[in-house]
Amino acid sequence: MKRFYLPILAVTVIACATARAADWPQFRGPQRNGISPETNFPLTWGPDKNIKWKAPLPQPGNSSPIVSGGRVFITCAEDAHGTRRSLYCFDVKDGKKLWVQTVSYEQLDPTHQRNPYCASTPAADGRRVVVWHGSAGVHCYDHDGKELWSRDLGTFRHIWGYASSPIIYGNSIILNCGPGARSFVIALDLTSGKTLWQNDEPGGAEDRDPAGKWVGSWATPVVGTVDGKDQILVAQSHHVNAYDPKTGTILWTCGGTGDLAYADVMIGDGIAVAAAGYGGSSIGFKLGGSGDVTDSDRLWRAERNPQRIGTGVVIGPNLFMVSEPALSCIEMSTGRELWKHREPTQTFWGSIVCAGDRLYVTSQQGTTLVYAADAKEFRLLGANALGEPSNSTPALSDGRIFLRTAEHLYCIAEKP
């Protein structure tokens, strides 16, 4: 595997301690729940309104931007065949490209045309940034672009490609590797990249399983707290697993989801929801227990659902959910749908994010809807079109919205 730098531009030294308070350092935010601690984000924007800066990207992609230590990071392939996979770093203030780190991978690696290479979102801790390029490995850099370590975790092949993102938990990286015949959840040491533990997930396939079904998980791990102790929750095919973050031991599993897991587990107060994609079932369940808790802790199961790629946001007892054709709000404890709304001409793959009493979600057509976090009814507050397709999730940081489209990385901010 060959690695090389593209030209590095001058980097302005920024005090990380100051910037970190407003960071959005991993997929779906600092707590991995899609919720920002801030509230002062723009309500309206467009190609000629409230665009602080935009930076061109060489290829379309489904990954999302993150913000850490005064820098914005995004993954992007350099070509349509995925032979060069990059991590870009931009200055948060003006969009200046600070550096690019590119990994070469010249073997044939299948994916779906709607899931271009570099679908995985990076994760950062203010000093280091970690990226998973699928079969091209895991790579860790400092914020100036110096490579600290890299790991080849082997080949991952699936006809629809890869998309799960790494998360940083303490001094470890947790990653759901797959889908494909080789699928596993792994913890790597953040400092060295050394494997801390690995737990294999059986039943994977590059195409269809022996029963003729497409199977796989593209979900990103989330951290839940049960009886004062952290657990790593991952949506897999047909079930949800809870892993001990120190050892990787599966503490409990709850079954009943569909064959394909795209959305992350959505965690509330003592309960959670897992929603499968491609029409698969969704479940609500209590957190905790030991062994197979399907019969004892599963609260409800909805057999058929719309296609679900993005992840929703939990606010109080309710879940604001996104599916490919519609937005909805459900009661987490029962699965009862409180309302459902379909915006004409808009479909959704990105996840929902929340700031105060507003929810933001970007459509595949590149329009970001802003609507009220109201469990009683859908109330549209703004519809902001950029005219470029997008399958990504916005990052919210320091009053600015960072949004990736098929052509650009945008910084959206209200002008003084």
Protein backbone atom coordinates (compact mmCIF):
# COMPACT_ATOMS: atom_id res chain seq x y z
CA MET A 1 0.00 0.00 0.00
CA LYS A 2 1.53 3.29 -1.10
CA ARG A 3 0.96 6.58 0.68
CA PHE A 4 1.90 10.04 -0.50
CA TYR A 5 1.36 13.70 0.34
CA LEU A 6 -0.23 16.21 -1.92
CA PRO A 7 1.34 19.67 -1.48
CA ILE A 8 0.97 21.09 2.02
CA LEU A 9 0.07 24.74 2.37
CA ALA A 10 1.09 26.91 5.29
CA VAL A 11 -0.79 26.12 8.47
CA THR A 12 -1.83 28.80 10.89
CA VAL A 13 -1.26 27.78 14.49
CA ILE A 14 -4.53 27.82 16.40
CA ALA A 15 -5.00 27.35 20.12
CA CYS A 16 -6.90 24.06 20.30
CA ALA A 17 -8.15 24.69 23.82
CA THR A 18 -10.15 27.69 22.59
CA ALA A 19 -11.61 26.01 19.50
CA ARG A 20 -12.40 22.66 21.08
CA ALA A 21 -15.38 23.97 23.06
CA ALA A 22 -17.32 24.30 19.79
CA ASP A 23 -15.93 21.21 18.06
CA TRP A 24 -18.02 18.67 16.16
CA PRO A 25 -15.29 16.00 16.25
CA GLN A 26 -17.02 12.91 14.87
CA PHE A 27 -20.03 11.74 12.90
CA ARG A 28 -23.23 13.11 14.49
CA GLY A 29 -21.41 15.35 16.94
CA PRO A 30 -19.50 15.34 20.21
CA GLN A 31 -21.88 12.95 21.98
CA ARG A 32 -22.75 10.94 18.82
CA ASN A 33 -26.43 11.81 19.26
CA GLY A 34 -26.77 14.52 16.61
CA ILE A 35 -27.36 17.25 19.21
CA SER A 36 -25.35 20.47 19.42
CA PRO A 37 -24.91 22.29 22.74
CA GLU A 38 -25.22 25.55 20.78
CA THR A 39 -28.31 27.24 19.37
CA ASN A 40 -27.10 30.17 17.25
CA PHE A 41 -27.12 28.64 13.78
CA PRO A 42 -28.50 30.13 10.56
CA LEU A 43 -32.10 29.48 9.65
CA THR A 44 -31.85 30.46 5.99
CA TRP A 45 -29.15 30.33 3.31
CA GLY A 46 -28.64 29.76 -0.40
CA PRO A 47 -25.95 29.92 -3.09
CA ASP A 48 -25.68 33.69 -2.64
CA LYS A 49 -26.79 34.06 0.97
CA ASN A 50 -24.97 33.32 4.24
CA ILE A 51 -22.18 31.34 2.56
CA LYS A 52 -19.00 32.21 4.47
CA TRP A 53 -16.85 30.05 2.17
CA LYS A 54 -16.96 26.99 -0.03
CA ALA A 55 -14.15 24.69 -1.11
CA PRO A 56 -14.25 22.43 -4.20
CA LEU A 57 -14.01 18.66 -3.80
CA PRO A 58 -12.70 16.35 -6.56
CA GLN A 59 -15.42 13.67 -6.34
CA PRO A 60 -18.89 13.13 -4.89
CA GLY A 61 -19.05 11.35 -1.55
CA ASN A 62 -21.40 10.41 1.28
CA SER A 63 -19.10 11.14 4.23
CA SER A 64 -19.72 14.13 6.47
CA PRO A 65 -17.43 16.92 7.68
CA ILE A 66 -16.09 17.15 11.23
CA VAL A 67 -14.60 20.14 13.06
CA SER A 68 -11.68 19.89 15.48
CA GLY A 69 -9.06 22.32 16.72
CA GLY A 70 -9.82 25.06 14.19
CA ARG A 71 -9.83 22.69 11.25
CA VAL A 72 -12.48 21.02 9.12
CA PHE A 73 -11.81 17.46 7.96
CA ILE A 74 -13.56 15.55 5.16
CA THR A 75 -12.80 12.36 3.25
CA CYS A 76 -12.98 12.28 -0.54
CA ALA A 77 -11.79 10.04 -3.35
CA GLU A 78 -9.53 11.57 -5.99
CA ASP A 79 -11.01 9.43 -8.79
CA ALA A 80 -14.21 7.55 -9.50
CA HIS A 81 -12.52 4.14 -9.10
CA GLY A 82 -11.33 4.67 -5.53
CA THR A 83 -7.66 4.09 -6.32
CA ARG A 84 -6.70 7.24 -4.38
CA ARG A 85 -8.55 7.93 -1.14
CA SER A 86 -7.92 11.18 0.70
CA LEU A 87 -8.41 13.05 3.92
CA TYR A 88 -8.72 16.82 3.38
CA CYS A 89 -8.03 19.47 5.99
CA PHE A 90 -9.35 23.05 5.69
CA ASP A 91 -8.99 26.14 7.85
CA VAL A 92 -12.26 26.65 9.67
CA LYS A 93 -12.10 30.44 9.28
CA ASP A 94 -11.70 30.88 5.53
CA GLY A 95 -11.80 27.42 3.91
CA LYS A 96 -8.13 27.51 2.96
CA LYS A 97 -6.88 24.01 2.12
CA LEU A 98 -4.16 23.24 4.65
CA TRP A 99 -3.21 19.71 3.65
CA VAL A 100 -4.33 16.52 1.95
CA GLN A 101 -3.23 12.99 2.84
CA THR A 102 -3.88 10.41 0.14
CA VAL A 103 -3.69 6.62 0.24
CA SER A 104 -3.26 4.59 -2.93
CA TYR A 105 -5.28 1.38 -3.35
CA GLU A 106 -5.18 -0.09 -6.83
CA GLN A 107 -7.09 -3.36 -6.36
CA LEU A 108 -10.66 -3.72 -7.62
CA ASP A 109 -12.95 -2.74 -4.76
CA PRO A 110 -16.70 -2.95 -5.48
CA THR A 111 -19.24 -0.37 -4.34
CA HIS A 112 -22.59 1.02 -5.42
CA GLN A 113 -22.74 4.08 -7.67
CA ARG A 114 -24.82 5.84 -5.01
CA ASN A 115 -22.14 5.12 -2.40
CA PRO A 116 -18.87 6.55 -3.79
CA TYR A 117 -15.56 5.68 -2.17
CA CYS A 118 -14.59 7.45 1.07
CA ALA A 119 -18.06 7.16 2.61
CA SER A 120 -16.60 6.93 6.13
CA THR A 121 -16.49 10.12 8.24
CA PRO A 122 -13.24 10.80 10.17
CA ALA A 123 -12.98 11.31 13.95
CA ALA A 124 -10.67 13.65 15.88
CA ASP A 125 -9.70 14.53 19.45
CA GLY A 126 -8.17 17.98 19.00
CA ARG A 127 -4.67 16.60 18.36
CA ARG A 128 -5.17 13.55 16.17
CA VAL A 129 -7.56 12.67 13.36
CA VAL A 130 -8.39 9.10 12.36
CA VAL A 131 -9.83 7.91 9.07
CA TRP A 132 -10.93 4.49 7.80
CA HIS A 133 -10.57 3.96 4.06
CA GLY A 134 -12.06 0.45 3.98
CA SER A 135 -9.67 -1.99 2.32
CA ALA A 136 -7.09 0.82 2.16
CA GLY A 137 -6.70 0.75 5.94
CA VAL A 138 -6.99 2.91 9.05
CA HIS A 139 -4.76 5.99 9.25
CA CYS A 140 -4.01 8.44 12.03
CA TYR A 141 -2.53 11.93 11.51
CA ASP A 142 -1.80 14.89 13.70
CA HIS A 143 -3.64 18.12 12.93
CA ASP A 144 -0.73 19.35 10.81
CA GLY A 145 -1.06 16.33 8.52
CA LYS A 146 1.86 14.24 9.79
CA GLU A 147 1.10 10.54 9.68
CA LEU A 148 1.36 9.01 13.16
CA TRP A 149 0.49 5.41 12.27
CA SER A 150 -1.51 3.27 9.86
CA ARG A 151 -3.07 -0.20 10.03
CA ASP A 152 -4.00 -2.62 7.28
CA LEU A 153 -7.07 -4.48 8.60
CA GLY A 154 -7.47 -6.57 5.46
CA THR A 155 -9.87 -6.54 2.54
CA PHE A 156 -13.55 -5.63 2.92
CA ARG A 157 -15.71 -6.45 -0.07
CA HIS A 158 -19.42 -5.82 -0.51
CA ILE A 159 -21.32 -4.95 -3.66
CA TRP A 160 -22.54 -1.73 -1.96
CA GLY A 161 -19.20 -0.69 -0.45
CA TYR A 162 -18.44 0.51 3.08
CA ALA A 163 -19.59 3.48 5.19
CA SER A 164 -19.21 2.94 8.95
CA SER A 165 -17.22 5.66 10.70
CA PRO A 166 -14.67 5.34 13.52
CA ILE A 167 -15.42 6.87 16.91
CA ILE A 168 -12.93 7.87 19.58
CA TYR A 169 -13.66 6.50 23.04
CA GLY A 170 -11.10 7.49 25.66
CA ASN A 171 -7.75 6.36 24.31
CA SER A 172 -9.24 3.91 21.84
CA ILE A 173 -10.84 3.89 18.41
CA ILE A 174 -13.97 1.79 17.99
CA LEU A 175 -14.82 0.71 14.45
CA ASN A 176 -17.50 -1.51 12.92
CA CYS A 177 -15.58 -3.15 10.07
CA GLY A 178 -17.55 -4.51 7.13
CA PRO A 179 -19.87 -5.35 5.58
CA GLY A 180 -18.87 -8.48 3.71
CA ALA A 181 -17.69 -11.99 4.45
CA ARG A 182 -15.25 -10.42 6.93
CA SER A 183 -17.15 -8.35 9.48
CA PHE A 184 -16.11 -7.46 13.01
CA VAL A 185 -16.06 -4.75 15.65
CA ILE A 186 -12.55 -3.71 16.67
CA ALA A 187 -10.89 -1.41 19.20
CA LEU A 188 -7.52 0.13 18.34
CA ASP A 189 -5.17 2.04 20.60
CA LEU A 190 -5.45 5.72 19.64
CA THR A 191 -1.75 6.36 20.22
CA SER A 192 -0.26 3.39 18.38
CA GLY A 193 -3.00 1.74 16.32
CA LYS A 194 -2.41 -1.57 18.11
CA THR A 195 -5.41 -3.89 18.36
CA LEU A 196 -6.94 -3.86 21.85
CA TRP A 197 -9.71 -6.32 21.05
CA GLN A 198 -11.70 -7.70 18.13
CA ASN A 199 -15.06 -9.47 18.06
CA ASP A 200 -16.03 -11.16 14.80
CA GLU A 201 -19.59 -10.90 13.47
CA PRO A 202 -20.70 -14.12 11.70
CA GLY A 203 -23.06 -14.46 8.78
CA GLY A 204 -21.61 -11.83 6.46
CA ALA A 205 -21.56 -12.01 2.67
CA GLU A 206 -20.15 -9.99 -0.23
CA ASP A 207 -23.42 -10.25 -2.11
CA ARG A 208 -26.28 -12.42 -0.84
CA ASP A 209 -26.20 -14.89 2.04
CA PRO A 210 -27.04 -18.61 1.56
CA ALA A 211 -30.73 -17.78 1.99
CA GLY A 212 -30.54 -15.36 -0.93
CA LYS A 213 -30.77 -12.20 1.18
CA TRP A 214 -28.59 -9.11 1.14
CA VAL A 215 -27.06 -8.68 4.58
CA GLY A 216 -24.63 -6.25 6.19
CA SER A 217 -24.08 -3.40 8.60
CA TRP A 218 -22.92 0.09 7.67
CA ALA A 219 -23.83 1.48 11.10
CA THR A 220 -21.42 3.45 13.28
CA PRO A 221 -20.98 2.45 16.96
CA VAL A 222 -22.56 4.55 19.70
CA VAL A 223 -21.84 4.69 23.44
CA GLY A 224 -24.66 4.06 25.88
CA THR A 225 -24.53 4.16 29.67
CA VAL A 226 -26.25 1.34 31.53
CA ASP A 227 -26.23 1.30 35.34
CA GLY A 228 -23.39 3.81 35.34
CA LYS A 229 -21.20 1.80 32.97
CA ASP A 230 -20.50 2.52 29.31
CA GLN A 231 -21.40 0.02 26.62
CA ILE A 232 -20.73 0.11 22.85
CA LEU A 233 -23.92 -0.45 20.85
CA VAL A 234 -23.76 -1.52 17.22
CA ALA A 235 -26.65 -2.29 14.89
CA GLN A 236 -25.87 -5.52 13.02
CA SER A 237 -27.89 -7.61 10.62
CA HIS A 238 -30.94 -8.96 12.47
CA HIS A 239 -29.89 -7.71 15.93
CA VAL A 240 -28.17 -5.14 18.12
CA ASN A 241 -25.04 -6.03 20.10
CA ALA A 242 -23.74 -4.32 23.24
CA TYR A 243 -19.96 -4.66 23.70
CA ASP A 244 -17.81 -4.13 26.78
CA PRO A 245 -15.57 -1.20 25.71
CA LYS A 246 -12.59 -2.63 27.61
CA THR A 247 -12.68 -6.24 26.38
CA GLY A 248 -15.04 -6.38 23.40
CA THR A 249 -17.15 -9.07 25.08
CA ILE A 250 -20.76 -9.06 23.91
CA LEU A 251 -22.74 -8.21 27.04
CA TRP A 252 -26.19 -8.64 25.54
CA THR A 253 -27.96 -8.83 22.22
CA CYS A 254 -31.49 -7.93 21.15
CA GLY A 255 -32.89 -9.46 17.98
CA GLY A 256 -35.64 -8.69 15.52
CA THR A 257 -34.20 -6.07 13.16
CA GLY A 258 -33.95 -6.50 9.39
CA ASP A 259 -31.20 -7.83 7.17
CA LEU A 260 -29.52 -4.46 6.49
CA ALA A 261 -28.35 -2.01 9.16
CA TYR A 262 -27.61 1.52 7.97
CA ALA A 263 -28.85 3.78 10.79
CA ASP A 264 -27.02 3.94 14.11
CA VAL A 265 -28.72 2.79 17.31
CA MET A 266 -30.72 5.73 18.71
CA ILE A 267 -30.48 5.93 22.50
CA GLY A 268 -32.96 7.52 24.90
CA ASP A 269 -33.46 7.35 28.65
CA GLY A 270 -33.03 3.65 29.39
CA ILE A 271 -34.41 2.58 26.02
CA ALA A 272 -33.21 2.59 22.42
CA VAL A 273 -34.46 2.09 18.88
CA ALA A 274 -32.79 0.27 15.98
CA ALA A 275 -34.26 0.73 12.51
CA ALA A 276 -33.21 -1.46 9.60
CA GLY A 277 -33.06 -0.31 5.99
CA TYR A 278 -34.53 -1.53 2.72
CA GLY A 279 -37.96 -2.16 4.21
CA GLY A 280 -36.63 -4.16 7.17
CA SER A 281 -38.12 -4.18 10.64
CA SER A 282 -37.35 -1.79 13.50
CA ILE A 283 -37.37 -2.48 17.23
CA GLY A 284 -37.57 -0.61 20.52
CA PHE A 285 -35.88 -2.18 23.55
CA LYS A 286 -34.71 -1.56 27.09
CA LEU A 287 -30.98 -1.09 27.60
CA GLY A 288 -29.02 -3.60 29.63
CA GLY A 289 -29.39 -7.18 30.70
CA SER A 290 -27.26 -10.20 29.88
CA GLY A 291 -27.20 -12.64 26.99
CA ASP A 292 -30.10 -12.70 24.54
CA VAL A 293 -32.60 -10.16 25.87
CA THR A 294 -34.98 -10.28 22.90
CA ASP A 295 -37.85 -11.88 24.80
CA SER A 296 -37.37 -9.99 28.05
CA ASP A 297 -36.37 -6.48 26.96
CA ARG A 298 -37.77 -5.87 23.50
CA LEU A 299 -40.64 -3.42 23.81
CA TRP A 300 -42.02 -3.45 20.26
CA ARG A 301 -41.27 -4.48 16.69
CA ALA A 302 -42.50 -2.87 13.47
CA GLU A 303 -42.36 -5.44 10.69
CA ARG A 304 -42.18 -3.29 7.56
CA ASN A 305 -40.66 0.16 7.22
CA PRO A 306 -39.55 2.53 4.47
CA GLN A 307 -35.95 2.58 3.31
CA ARG A 308 -33.89 4.05 6.15
CA ILE A 309 -30.31 5.20 5.67
CA GLY A 310 -29.93 8.20 8.01
CA THR A 311 -30.12 8.26 11.80
CA GLY A 312 -32.66 10.19 13.83
CA VAL A 313 -32.46 12.35 16.96
CA VAL A 314 -33.93 11.48 20.36
CA ILE A 315 -35.51 14.33 22.33
CA GLY A 316 -37.13 13.32 25.58
CA PRO A 317 -39.44 10.33 25.07
CA ASN A 318 -39.65 10.79 21.31
CA LEU A 319 -37.55 9.97 18.26
CA PHE A 320 -37.44 12.28 15.25
CA MET A 321 -36.71 9.87 12.44
CA VAL A 322 -35.71 10.16 8.80
CA SER A 323 -36.39 7.74 5.96
CA GLU A 324 -35.66 7.97 2.26
CA PRO A 325 -39.09 9.45 1.43
CA ALA A 326 -40.25 11.09 4.66
CA LEU A 327 -39.70 12.57 8.11
CA SER A 328 -41.56 11.34 11.16
CA CYS A 329 -41.81 11.42 14.93
CA ILE A 330 -42.40 8.30 16.99
CA GLU A 331 -42.88 7.49 20.63
CA MET A 332 -39.81 5.48 21.61
CA SER A 333 -41.43 3.27 24.22
CA THR A 334 -44.21 2.04 21.93
CA GLY A 335 -43.14 2.75 18.35
CA ARG A 336 -46.38 4.68 17.84
CA GLU A 337 -46.11 7.21 15.03
CA LEU A 338 -47.03 10.69 16.24
CA TRP A 339 -46.77 12.36 12.86
CA LYS A 340 -45.32 11.80 9.39
CA HIS A 341 -44.45 14.33 6.73
CA ARG A 342 -43.29 14.00 3.16
CA GLU A 343 -41.75 17.07 1.56
CA PRO A 344 -42.57 17.18 -2.18
CA THR A 345 -39.63 16.23 -4.48
CA GLN A 346 -37.29 15.60 -1.51
CA THR A 347 -35.73 12.28 -0.41
CA PHE A 348 -33.26 11.76 2.42
CA TRP A 349 -30.11 9.71 3.12
CA GLY A 350 -28.43 12.09 5.56
CA SER A 351 -28.97 12.03 9.32
CA ILE A 352 -30.84 14.61 11.40
CA VAL A 353 -29.00 17.06 13.67
CA CYS A 354 -30.49 19.27 16.37
CA ALA A 355 -29.72 22.72 17.77
CA GLY A 356 -32.05 24.01 20.45
CA ASP A 357 -35.62 23.63 19.22
CA ARG A 358 -34.61 23.22 15.57
CA LEU A 359 -33.90 20.10 13.54
CA TYR A 360 -31.77 20.15 10.38
CA VAL A 361 -31.67 17.48 7.67
CA THR A 362 -30.28 17.68 4.15
CA SER A 363 -32.05 15.98 1.26
CA GLN A 364 -30.46 14.08 -1.59
CA GLN A 365 -31.38 17.04 -3.77
CA GLY A 366 -29.19 19.34 -1.64
CA THR A 367 -31.98 21.15 0.21
CA THR A 368 -31.61 21.42 3.99
CA LEU A 369 -34.94 21.50 5.79
CA VAL A 370 -35.10 23.27 9.13
CA TYR A 371 -38.13 22.28 11.17
CA ALA A 372 -39.41 22.45 14.73
CA ALA A 373 -38.52 19.78 17.27
CA ASP A 374 -42.22 19.43 18.02
CA ALA A 375 -43.75 16.04 18.78
CA LYS A 376 -47.26 17.33 18.06
CA GLU A 377 -46.87 18.33 14.42
CA PHE A 378 -44.42 18.97 11.59
CA ARG A 379 -43.65 22.69 11.29
CA LEU A 380 -41.27 23.75 8.54
CA LEU A 381 -39.12 26.75 9.47
CA GLY A 382 -36.90 26.95 6.41
CA ALA A 383 -35.94 25.15 3.19
CA ASN A 384 -32.46 25.99 1.93
CA ALA A 385 -31.38 24.77 -1.50
CA LEU A 386 -27.78 24.83 -2.69
CA GLY A 387 -28.48 23.27 -6.08
CA GLU A 388 -25.99 20.41 -5.58
CA PRO A 389 -26.87 16.84 -4.54
CA SER A 390 -25.93 15.64 -1.06
CA ASN A 391 -26.11 12.42 0.97
CA SER A 392 -24.27 13.88 3.94
CA THR A 393 -25.02 15.10 7.45
CA PRO A 394 -24.35 18.70 8.55
CA ALA A 395 -21.74 19.49 11.21
CA LEU A 396 -22.63 22.27 13.67
CA SER A 397 -19.82 24.27 15.24
CA ASP A 398 -19.44 27.76 16.70
CA GLY A 399 -22.54 29.17 15.00
CA ARG A 400 -21.55 27.73 11.62
CA ILE A 401 -22.99 24.87 9.59
CA PHE A 402 -20.57 22.76 7.56
CA LEU A 403 -22.20 20.85 4.73
CA ARG A 404 -20.78 18.54 2.10
CA THR A 405 -22.37 18.29 -1.33
CA ALA A 406 -21.34 16.33 -4.41
CA GLU A 407 -19.16 19.24 -5.50
CA HIS A 408 -18.17 21.38 -2.50
CA LEU A 409 -17.65 21.69 1.21
CA TYR A 410 -19.68 24.66 2.45
CA CYS A 411 -19.36 26.82 5.54
CA ILE A 412 -22.71 28.49 6.25
CA ALA A 413 -22.85 31.39 8.67
CA GLU A 414 -24.91 34.50 9.18
CA LYS A 415 -22.95 37.55 8.11
CA PRO A 416 -22.53 40.24 10.76
